[in-house]
PDB file of N, CA and C in Angstrom:
ATOM      1  N   MET A   1     -46.943  63.024  59.837  1.00  0.00           N
ATOM      2  CA  MET A   1     -45.664  62.910  60.699  1.00  0.00           C
ATOM      3  C   MET A   1     -46.255  61.868  61.953  1.00  0.00           C
ATOM      4  N   ARG A   2     -45.087  61.025  62.243  1.00  0.00           N
ATOM      5  CA  ARG A   2     -44.980  60.034  63.064  1.00  0.00           C
ATOM      6  C   ARG A   2     -44.866  60.337  64.398  1.00  0.00           C
ATOM      7  N   LEU A   3     -45.381  60.073  65.352  1.00  0.00           N
ATOM      8  CA  LEU A   3     -45.133  60.122  66.958  1.00  0.00           C
ATOM      9  C   LEU A   3     -43.433  60.583  67.054  1.00  0.00           C
ATOM     10  N   GLU A   4     -42.850  59.327  66.758  1.00  0.00           N
ATOM     11  CA  GLU A   4     -41.409  59.502  67.019  1.00  0.00           C
ATOM     12  C   GLU A   4     -40.846  60.694  66.559  1.00  0.00           C
ATOM     13  N   GLU A   5     -41.341  61.675  65.442  1.00  0.00           N
ATOM     14  CA  GLU A   5     -40.780  62.555  64.935  1.00  0.00           C
ATOM     15  C   GLU A   5     -41.298  63.805  65.961  1.00  0.00           C
ATOM     16  N   VAL A   6     -42.752  63.780  65.921  1.00  0.00           N
ATOM     17  CA  VAL A   6     -42.883  64.853  66.971  1.00  0.00           C
ATOM     18  C   VAL A   6     -42.142  65.057  68.191  1.00  0.00           C
ATOM     19  N   MET A   7     -42.012  63.714  68.767  1.00  0.00           N
ATOM     20  CA  MET A   7     -41.389  63.713  70.207  1.00  0.00           C
ATOM     21  C   MET A   7     -40.094  63.884  69.984  1.00  0.00           C
ATOM     22  N   GLY A   8     -39.173  63.724  68.726  1.00  0.00           N
ATOM     23  CA  GLY A   8     -37.892  63.689  68.678  1.00  0.00           C
ATOM     24  C   GLY A   8     -37.179  62.266  69.512  1.00  0.00           C
ATOM     25  N   VAL A   9     -37.754  61.417  69.551  1.00  0.00           N
ATOM     26  CA  VAL A   9     -37.377  60.128  70.007  1.00  0.00           C
ATOM     27  C   VAL A   9     -37.492  58.987  69.169  1.00  0.00           C
ATOM     28  N   GLY A  10     -36.847  57.432  69.581  1.00  0.00           N
ATOM     29  CA  GLY A  10     -37.085  56.459  68.706  1.00  0.00           C
ATOM     30  C   GLY A  10     -38.283  55.900  69.293  1.00  0.00           C
ATOM     31  N   ALA A  11     -38.876  54.515  68.304  1.00  0.00           N
ATOM     32  CA  ALA A  11     -39.876  54.140  68.579  1.00  0.00           C
ATOM     33  C   ALA A  11     -39.930  53.166  69.906  1.00  0.00           C
ATOM     34  N   ARG A  12     -38.994  52.771  70.338  1.00  0.00           N
ATOM     35  CA  ARG A  12     -38.746  52.323  71.588  1.00  0.00           C
ATOM     36  C   ARG A  12     -39.254  53.185  72.729  1.00  0.00           C
ATOM     37  N   GLN A  13     -38.287  54.240  72.597  1.00  0.00           N
ATOM     38  CA  GLN A  13     -38.401  55.048  73.763  1.00  0.00           C
ATOM     39  C   GLN A  13     -39.926  55.860  73.703  1.00  0.00           C
ATOM     40  N   VAL A  14     -40.764  55.867  72.786  1.00  0.00           N
ATOM     41  CA  VAL A  14     -41.901  56.091  72.990  1.00  0.00           C
ATOM     42  C   VAL A  14     -42.707  55.098  73.445  1.00  0.00           C
ATOM     43  N   GLU A  15     -42.609  53.894  73.478  1.00  0.00           N
ATOM     44  CA  GLU A  15     -43.268  52.670  73.814  1.00  0.00           C
ATOM     45  C   GLU A  15     -42.732  52.536  75.566  1.00  0.00           C
ATOM     46  N   ARG A  16     -41.636  53.088  75.495  1.00  0.00           N
ATOM     47  CA  ARG A  16     -41.325  53.308  77.268  1.00  0.00           C
ATOM     48  C   ARG A  16     -42.129  54.256  77.724  1.00  0.00           C
ATOM     49  N   ARG A  17     -42.093  55.385  77.254  1.00  0.00           N
ATOM     50  CA  ARG A  17     -43.005  56.573  77.984  1.00  0.00           C
ATOM     51  C   ARG A  17     -44.128  56.133  78.304  1.00  0.00           C
ATOM     52  N   PHE A  18     -44.756  55.737  77.095  1.00  0.00           N
ATOM     53  CA  PHE A  18     -46.254  55.383  76.973  1.00  0.00           C
ATOM     54  C   PHE A  18     -46.528  54.290  78.168  1.00  0.00           C
ATOM     55  N   HIS A  19     -45.766  53.229  78.196  1.00  0.00           N
ATOM     56  CA  HIS A  19     -46.153  52.241  79.467  1.00  0.00           C
ATOM     57  C   HIS A  19     -45.776  52.884  80.502  1.00  0.00           C
ATOM     58  N   ALA A  20     -44.655  53.785  80.718  1.00  0.00           N
ATOM     59  CA  ALA A  20     -44.629  54.706  82.147  1.00  0.00           C
ATOM     60  C   ALA A  20     -45.589  55.366  82.484  1.00  0.00           C
ATOM     61  N   ALA A  21     -46.460  55.917  81.424  1.00  0.00           N
ATOM     62  CA  ALA A  21     -47.582  56.952  81.636  1.00  0.00           C
ATOM     63  C   ALA A  21     -48.867  56.245  81.737  1.00  0.00           C
ATOM     64  N   VAL A  22     -49.021  55.134  81.041  1.00  0.00           N
ATOM     65  CA  VAL A  22     -50.290  54.409  81.118  1.00  0.00           C
ATOM     66  C   VAL A  22     -50.411  52.972  81.888  1.00  0.00           C
ATOM     67  N   GLY A  23     -49.014  52.360  82.227  1.00  0.00           N
ATOM     68  CA  GLY A  23     -49.026  51.083  82.526  1.00  0.00           C
ATOM     69  C   GLY A  23     -49.041  49.808  81.797  1.00  0.00           C
ATOM     70  N   LEU A  24     -49.339  50.162  80.508  1.00  0.00           N
ATOM     71  CA  LEU A  24     -49.412  49.115  79.586  1.00  0.00           C
ATOM     72  C   LEU A  24     -48.865  49.542  78.067  1.00  0.00           C
ATOM     73  N   SER A  25     -48.450  48.491  77.280  1.00  0.00           N
ATOM     74  CA  SER A  25     -47.852  48.942  76.359  1.00  0.00           C
ATOM     75  C   SER A  25     -49.055  49.220  75.120  1.00  0.00           C
ATOM     76  N   PRO A  26     -48.441  50.202  74.146  1.00  0.00           N
ATOM     77  CA  PRO A  26     -49.561  50.350  73.158  1.00  0.00           C
ATOM     78  C   PRO A  26     -50.295  49.277  72.616  1.00  0.00           C
ATOM     79  N   LYS A  27     -49.590  48.087  72.215  1.00  0.00           N
ATOM     80  CA  LYS A  27     -50.240  46.791  71.765  1.00  0.00           C
ATOM     81  C   LYS A  27     -51.152  46.217  72.605  1.00  0.00           C
ATOM     82  N   VAL A  28     -50.899  46.341  74.037  1.00  0.00           N
ATOM     83  CA  VAL A  28     -51.869  45.486  74.897  1.00  0.00           C
ATOM     84  C   VAL A  28     -53.074  46.566  74.929  1.00  0.00           C
ATOM     85  N   LEU A  29     -53.035  47.726  75.094  1.00  0.00           N
ATOM     86  CA  LEU A  29     -53.959  48.830  74.970  1.00  0.00           C
ATOM     87  C   LEU A  29     -54.922  48.617  73.963  1.00  0.00           C
ATOM     88  N   CYS A  30     -54.270  48.586  72.636  1.00  0.00           N
ATOM     89  CA  CYS A  30     -55.034  48.083  71.535  1.00  0.00           C
ATOM     90  C   CYS A  30     -55.873  46.938  71.163  1.00  0.00           C
ATOM     91  N   ARG A  31     -55.273  45.988  71.940  1.00  0.00           N
ATOM     92  CA  ARG A  31     -55.816  44.560  72.044  1.00  0.00           C
ATOM     93  C   ARG A  31     -56.888  45.012  72.892  1.00  0.00           C
ATOM     94  N   ILE A  32     -56.996  45.333  74.459  1.00  0.00           N
ATOM     95  CA  ILE A  32     -58.140  45.670  75.076  1.00  0.00           C
ATOM     96  C   ILE A  32     -59.081  46.428  74.339  1.00  0.00           C
ATOM     97  N   ALA A  33     -58.778  47.479  73.816  1.00  0.00           N
ATOM     98  CA  ALA A  33     -59.858  48.290  73.060  1.00  0.00           C
ATOM     99  C   ALA A  33     -60.689  47.474  71.990  1.00  0.00           C
ATOM    100  N   ARG A  34     -60.049  46.722  71.210  1.00  0.00           N
ATOM    101  CA  ARG A  34     -60.647  46.006  70.227  1.00  0.00           C
ATOM    102  C   ARG A  34     -61.543  44.768  70.791  1.00  0.00           C
ATOM    103  N   LEU A  35     -61.020  44.368  72.035  1.00  0.00           N
ATOM    104  CA  LEU A  35     -61.744  43.593  72.545  1.00  0.00           C
ATOM    105  C   LEU A  35     -63.136  44.015  73.051  1.00  0.00           C
ATOM    106  N   GLN A  36     -62.950  45.261  73.666  1.00  0.00           N
ATOM    107  CA  GLN A  36     -64.299  46.262  74.360  1.00  0.00           C
ATOM    108  C   GLN A  36     -65.184  46.455  72.930  1.00  0.00           C
ATOM    109  N   HIS A  37     -64.560  46.568  71.805  1.00  0.00           N
ATOM    110  CA  HIS A  37     -65.475  46.981  70.734  1.00  0.00           C
ATOM    111  C   HIS A  37     -66.136  46.017  70.315  1.00  0.00           C
ATOM    112  N   ALA A  38     -65.576  44.661  70.267  1.00  0.00           N
ATOM    113  CA  ALA A  38     -66.287  43.339  69.827  1.00  0.00           C
ATOM    114  C   ALA A  38     -67.186  42.829  70.762  1.00  0.00           C
ATOM    115  N   VAL A  39     -67.115  43.328  72.311  1.00  0.00           N
ATOM    116  CA  VAL A  39     -68.309  43.153  73.026  1.00  0.00           C
ATOM    117  C   VAL A  39     -69.340  43.921  72.847  1.00  0.00           C
ATOM    118  N   GLU A  40     -69.182  45.311  72.277  1.00  0.00           N
ATOM    119  CA  GLU A  40     -70.041  46.156  72.177  1.00  0.00           C
ATOM    120  C   GLU A  40     -70.846  45.542  70.654  1.00  0.00           C
ATOM    121  N   LEU A  41     -70.051  44.910  69.761  1.00  0.00           N
ATOM    122  CA  LEU A  41     -70.677  44.718  68.460  1.00  0.00           C
ATOM    123  C   LEU A  41     -71.513  43.081  68.747  1.00  0.00           C
ATOM    124  N   SER A  42     -71.219  42.473  69.918  1.00  0.00           N
ATOM    125  CA  SER A  42     -71.941  41.185  69.847  1.00  0.00           C
ATOM    126  C   SER A  42     -73.247  41.291  69.898  1.00  0.00           C
ATOM    127  N   ARG A  43     -73.834  42.051  70.325  1.00  0.00           N
ATOM    128  CA  ARG A  43     -75.163  42.252  70.287  1.00  0.00           C
ATOM    129  C   ARG A  43     -76.255  41.883  68.979  1.00  0.00           C
ATOM    130  N   GLY A  44     -75.557  42.049  67.789  1.00  0.00           N
ATOM    131  CA  GLY A  44     -76.023  42.266  66.525  1.00  0.00           C
ATOM    132  C   GLY A  44     -75.542  41.342  65.690  1.00  0.00           C
ATOM    133  N   LEU A  45     -74.064  40.596  66.114  1.00  0.00           N
ATOM    134  CA  LEU A  45     -73.583  39.998  65.156  1.00  0.00           C
ATOM    135  C   LEU A  45     -72.979  38.667  65.421  1.00  0.00           C
ATOM    136  N   GLN A  46     -72.572  37.463  64.647  1.00  0.00           N
ATOM    137  CA  GLN A  46     -72.201  36.252  65.425  1.00  0.00           C
ATOM    138  C   GLN A  46     -71.141  35.785  64.566  1.00  0.00           C
ATOM    139  N   GLY A  47     -70.318  34.891  65.215  1.00  0.00           N
ATOM    140  CA  GLY A  47     -69.194  34.079  64.273  1.00  0.00           C
ATOM    141  C   GLY A  47     -67.900  34.994  63.597  1.00  0.00           C
ATOM    142  N   ALA A  48     -68.117  34.468  62.531  1.00  0.00           N
ATOM    143  CA  ALA A  48     -66.976  35.165  61.619  1.00  0.00           C
ATOM    144  C   ALA A  48     -67.022  36.718  61.299  1.00  0.00           C
ATOM    145  N   GLU A  49     -68.802  36.850  61.038  1.00  0.00           N
ATOM    146  CA  GLU A  49     -69.076  38.247  60.744  1.00  0.00           C
ATOM    147  C   GLU A  49     -68.597  39.121  61.710  1.00  0.00           C
ATOM    148  N   TRP A  50     -68.918  38.647  63.222  1.00  0.00           N
ATOM    149  CA  TRP A  50     -68.473  39.428  64.290  1.00  0.00           C
ATOM    150  C   TRP A  50     -67.093  39.652  64.645  1.00  0.00           C
ATOM    151  N   ALA A  51     -66.158  38.711  64.102  1.00  0.00           N
ATOM    152  CA  ALA A  51     -64.933  38.778  64.295  1.00  0.00           C
ATOM    153  C   ALA A  51     -64.323  39.523  63.361  1.00  0.00           C
ATOM    154  N   LEU A  52     -65.135  39.721  62.164  1.00  0.00           N
ATOM    155  CA  LEU A  52     -64.185  40.708  61.078  1.00  0.00           C
ATOM    156  C   LEU A  52     -64.613  42.067  61.323  1.00  0.00           C
ATOM    157  N   ALA A  53     -66.190  42.320  61.984  1.00  0.00           N
ATOM    158  CA  ALA A  53     -66.278  43.646  62.217  1.00  0.00           C
ATOM    159  C   ALA A  53     -65.722  44.298  63.375  1.00  0.00           C
ATOM    160  N   ALA A  54     -65.425  43.432  64.203  1.00  0.00           N
ATOM    161  CA  ALA A  54     -64.459  43.952  65.363  1.00  0.00           C
ATOM    162  C   ALA A  54     -63.142  44.209  64.983  1.00  0.00           C
ATOM    163  N   GLY A  55     -62.545  43.839  63.731  1.00  0.00           N
ATOM    164  CA  GLY A  55     -61.293  44.099  63.564  1.00  0.00           C
ATOM    165  C   GLY A  55     -60.321  43.017  63.787  1.00  0.00           C
ATOM    166  N   TYR A  56     -60.629  41.692  63.940  1.00  0.00           N
ATOM    167  CA  TYR A  56     -59.863  40.536  64.062  1.00  0.00           C
ATOM    168  C   TYR A  56     -59.560  39.917  62.297  1.00  0.00           C
ATOM    169  N   TYR A  57     -58.537  39.206  62.315  1.00  0.00           N
ATOM    170  CA  TYR A  57     -58.053  38.661  61.106  1.00  0.00           C
ATOM    171  C   TYR A  57     -59.085  37.465  60.860  1.00  0.00           C
ATOM    172  N   ASP A  58     -59.714  36.711  61.611  1.00  0.00           N
ATOM    173  CA  ASP A  58     -60.594  35.660  61.324  1.00  0.00           C
ATOM    174  C   ASP A  58     -61.135  35.521  62.941  1.00  0.00           C
ATOM    175  N   GLN A  59     -62.093  34.236  62.764  1.00  0.00           N
ATOM    176  CA  GLN A  59     -62.724  33.952  64.075  1.00  0.00           C
ATOM    177  C   GLN A  59     -61.994  33.392  64.907  1.00  0.00           C
ATOM    178  N   ALA A  60     -60.948  32.475  64.328  1.00  0.00           N
ATOM    179  CA  ALA A  60     -59.763  31.705  65.646  1.00  0.00           C
ATOM    180  C   ALA A  60     -58.914  32.928  66.055  1.00  0.00           C
ATOM    181  N   HIS A  61     -58.940  34.002  65.283  1.00  0.00           N
ATOM    182  CA  HIS A  61     -57.931  35.041  65.923  1.00  0.00           C
ATOM    183  C   HIS A  61     -58.778  35.575  66.965  1.00  0.00           C
ATOM    184  N   GLN A  62     -60.108  35.838  66.834  1.00  0.00           N
ATOM    185  CA  GLN A  62     -60.832  36.597  67.920  1.00  0.00           C
ATOM    186  C   GLN A  62     -60.746  35.742  69.115  1.00  0.00           C
ATOM    187  N   VAL A  63     -60.931  34.285  69.006  1.00  0.00           N
ATOM    188  CA  VAL A  63     -61.130  33.581  70.008  1.00  0.00           C
ATOM    189  C   VAL A  63     -59.786  33.188  70.656  1.00  0.00           C
ATOM    190  N   ARG A  64     -58.645  33.494  70.081  1.00  0.00           N
ATOM    191  CA  ARG A  64     -57.354  33.405  70.818  1.00  0.00           C
ATOM    192  C   ARG A  64     -57.259  34.591  71.524  1.00  0.00           C
ATOM    193  N   GLU A  65     -57.634  35.830  71.178  1.00  0.00           N
ATOM    194  CA  GLU A  65     -57.557  37.003  71.681  1.00  0.00           C
ATOM    195  C   GLU A  65     -58.221  37.039  72.988  1.00  0.00           C
ATOM    196  N   PHE A  66     -59.729  36.479  72.788  1.00  0.00           N
ATOM    197  CA  PHE A  66     -60.426  36.319  73.969  1.00  0.00           C
ATOM    198  C   PHE A  66     -59.692  35.963  75.042  1.00  0.00           C
ATOM    199  N   ARG A  67     -59.601  34.589  74.738  1.00  0.00           N
ATOM    200  CA  ARG A  67     -59.035  33.514  75.776  1.00  0.00           C
ATOM    201  C   ARG A  67     -57.632  34.170  76.406  1.00  0.00           C
ATOM    202  N   ALA A  68     -57.043  34.673  75.767  1.00  0.00           N
ATOM    203  CA  ALA A  68     -55.639  35.524  76.091  1.00  0.00           C
ATOM    204  C   ALA A  68     -55.805  36.539  77.217  1.00  0.00           C
ATOM    205  N   LEU A  69     -56.875  37.475  76.729  1.00  0.00           N
ATOM    206  CA  LEU A  69     -57.066  38.578  77.927  1.00  0.00           C
ATOM    207  C   LEU A  69     -58.260  38.231  78.683  1.00  0.00           C
ATOM    208  N   THR A  70     -59.219  37.126  78.569  1.00  0.00           N
ATOM    209  CA  THR A  70     -60.263  37.141  79.488  1.00  0.00           C
ATOM    210  C   THR A  70     -60.331  35.593  80.018  1.00  0.00           C
ATOM    211  N   GLY A  71     -59.567  34.667  79.502  1.00  0.00           N
ATOM    212  CA  GLY A  71     -59.545  33.328  79.963  1.00  0.00           C
ATOM    213  C   GLY A  71     -60.879  32.540  79.483  1.00  0.00           C
ATOM    214  N   LEU A  72     -61.826  33.343  78.639  1.00  0.00           N
ATOM    215  CA  LEU A  72     -63.103  32.639  78.237  1.00  0.00           C
ATOM    216  C   LEU A  72     -62.977  32.884  76.660  1.00  0.00           C
ATOM    217  N   THR A  73     -63.762  32.201  76.037  1.00  0.00           N
ATOM    218  CA  THR A  73     -64.123  32.144  74.316  1.00  0.00           C
ATOM    219  C   THR A  73     -65.116  33.525  74.677  1.00  0.00           C
ATOM    220  N   PRO A  74     -65.327  33.952  73.095  1.00  0.00           N
ATOM    221  CA  PRO A  74     -66.055  35.264  73.116  1.00  0.00           C
ATOM    222  C   PRO A  74     -67.443  35.107  73.502  1.00  0.00           C
ATOM    223  N   GLY A  75     -68.085  33.904  72.999  1.00  0.00           N
ATOM    224  CA  GLY A  75     -69.326  33.594  73.373  1.00  0.00           C
ATOM    225  C   GLY A  75     -69.654  33.339  74.830  1.00  0.00           C
ATOM    226  N   ALA A  76     -68.711  32.854  75.664  1.00  0.00           N
ATOM    227  CA  ALA A  76     -68.680  32.683  77.284  1.00  0.00           C
ATOM    228  C   ALA A  76     -68.516  33.807  77.843  1.00  0.00           C
ATOM    229  N   TYR A  77     -67.592  34.756  77.264  1.00  0.00           N
ATOM    230  CA  TYR A  77     -67.473  35.987  77.744  1.00  0.00           C
ATOM    231  C   TYR A  77     -68.722  36.976  77.812  1.00  0.00           C
ATOM    232  N   VAL A  78     -69.289  36.957  76.765  1.00  0.00           N
ATOM    233  CA  VAL A  78     -70.329  37.659  76.699  1.00  0.00           C
ATOM    234  C   VAL A  78     -71.583  37.240  77.274  1.00  0.00           C
ATOM    235  N   ARG A  79     -71.793  35.893  77.355  1.00  0.00           N
ATOM    236  CA  ARG A  79     -72.948  35.370  78.266  1.00  0.00           C
ATOM    237  C   ARG A  79     -72.579  35.697  79.809  1.00  0.00           C
ATOM    238  N   GLU A  80     -71.382  35.604  80.221  1.00  0.00           N
ATOM    239  CA  GLU A  80     -70.896  35.724  81.453  1.00  0.00           C
ATOM    240  C   GLU A  80     -71.253  37.339  82.278  1.00  0.00           C
ATOM    241  N   GLN A  81     -70.760  38.258  81.021  1.00  0.00           N
ATOM    242  CA  GLN A  81     -71.083  39.564  81.271  1.00  0.00           C
ATOM    243  C   GLN A  81     -72.776  39.751  81.521  1.00  0.00           C
ATOM    244  N   ALA A  82     -73.440  39.197  80.618  1.00  0.00           N
ATOM    245  CA  ALA A  82     -74.930  39.445  80.304  1.00  0.00           C
ATOM    246  C   ALA A  82     -75.522  38.973  81.738  1.00  0.00           C
ATOM    247  N   GLU A  83     -74.819  38.037  82.528  1.00  0.00           N
ATOM    248  CA  GLU A  83     -75.659  37.485  83.956  1.00  0.00           C
ATOM    249  C   GLU A  83     -75.184  38.155  84.779  1.00  0.00           C
ATOM    250  N   VAL A  84     -74.109  38.947  84.759  1.00  0.00           N
ATOM    251  CA  VAL A  84     -73.282  39.667  85.851  1.00  0.00           C
ATOM    252  C   VAL A  84     -74.354  40.969  86.429  1.00  0.00           C
ATOM    253  N   GLY A  85     -74.320  41.572  85.126  1.00  0.00           N
ATOM    254  CA  GLY A  85     -75.265  43.020  85.140  1.00  0.00           C
ATOM    255  C   GLY A  85     -74.390  43.802  86.060  1.00  0.00           C
ATOM    256  N   PHE A  86     -75.159  44.791  87.171  1.00  0.00           N
ATOM    257  CA  PHE A  86     -74.545  45.839  87.782  1.00  0.00           C
ATOM    258  C   PHE A  86     -74.231  45.177  89.113  1.00  0.00           C
ATOM    259  N   VAL A  87     -72.986  45.469  89.707  1.00  0.00           N
ATOM    260  CA  VAL A  87     -72.602  44.830  90.959  1.00  0.00           C
ATOM    261  C   VAL A  87     -72.022  46.203  91.458  1.00  0.00           C
ATOM    262  N   GLN A  88     -72.710  46.310  93.092  1.00  0.00           N
ATOM    263  CA  GLN A  88     -72.258  47.248  93.674  1.00  0.00           C
ATOM    264  C   GLN A  88     -71.933  46.633  95.073  1.00  0.00           C
ATOM    265  N   SER A  89     -70.848  47.153  95.600  1.00  0.00           N
ATOM    266  CA  SER A  89     -70.631  46.690  97.190  1.00  0.00           C
ATOM    267  C   SER A  89     -71.556  46.919  98.148  1.00  0.00           C
ATOM    268  N   PRO A  90     -71.777  46.106  98.898  1.00  0.00           N
ATOM    269  CA  PRO A  90     -72.602  46.441 100.261  1.00  0.00           C
ATOM    270  C   PRO A  90     -72.708  47.843 100.936  1.00  0.00           C
ATOM    271  N   GLU A  91     -71.220  48.064 100.903  1.00  0.00           N
ATOM    272  CA  GLU A  91     -70.822  49.488 101.822  1.00  0.00           C
ATOM    273  C   GLU A  91     -71.248  50.747 100.972  1.00  0.00           C
ATOM    274  N   GLU A  92     -71.240  50.442  99.753  1.00  0.00           N
ATOM    275  CA  GLU A  92     -71.502  51.784  98.868  1.00  0.00           C
ATOM    276  C   GLU A  92     -73.063  51.671  98.662  1.00  0.00           C
ATOM    277  N   ALA A  93     -73.867  50.595  99.062  1.00  0.00           N
ATOM    278  CA  ALA A  93     -75.226  50.778  98.889  1.00  0.00           C
ATOM    279  C   ALA A  93     -75.784  50.813 100.248  1.00  0.00           C
ATOM    280  N   GLY A  94     -75.143  51.081 101.268  1.00  0.00           N
ATOM    281  CA  GLY A  94     -75.805  51.620 102.585  1.00  0.00           C
ATOM    282  C   GLY A  94     -76.167  50.623 103.539  1.00  0.00           C
ATOM    283  N   ALA A  95     -75.665  49.329 103.246  1.00  0.00           N
ATOM    284  CA  ALA A  95     -75.952  48.105 103.857  1.00  0.00           C
ATOM    285  C   ALA A  95     -75.554  47.725 105.206  1.00  0.00           C
TER     286      ALA A  95
END
């Protein structure tokens, strides 16, 4: 059974209600979740194998999505995340 049927509304109304509750469209949330999944897989895979395992159509699709969501290529994003590590504000650290 489809969500529209369960809720008794059309697909567009489901999208509107989702956006009102979450602040993002369902599609954007799925894109972000796929990107996060790709980052988790980045430790063991590379190139097209990484892109396909993360759910992208091909490596070019992965690069476009990373750039659209982060402004960086997949490799640059992973390297930047590895360099940053844990960040804590001085107020929380008691400084």
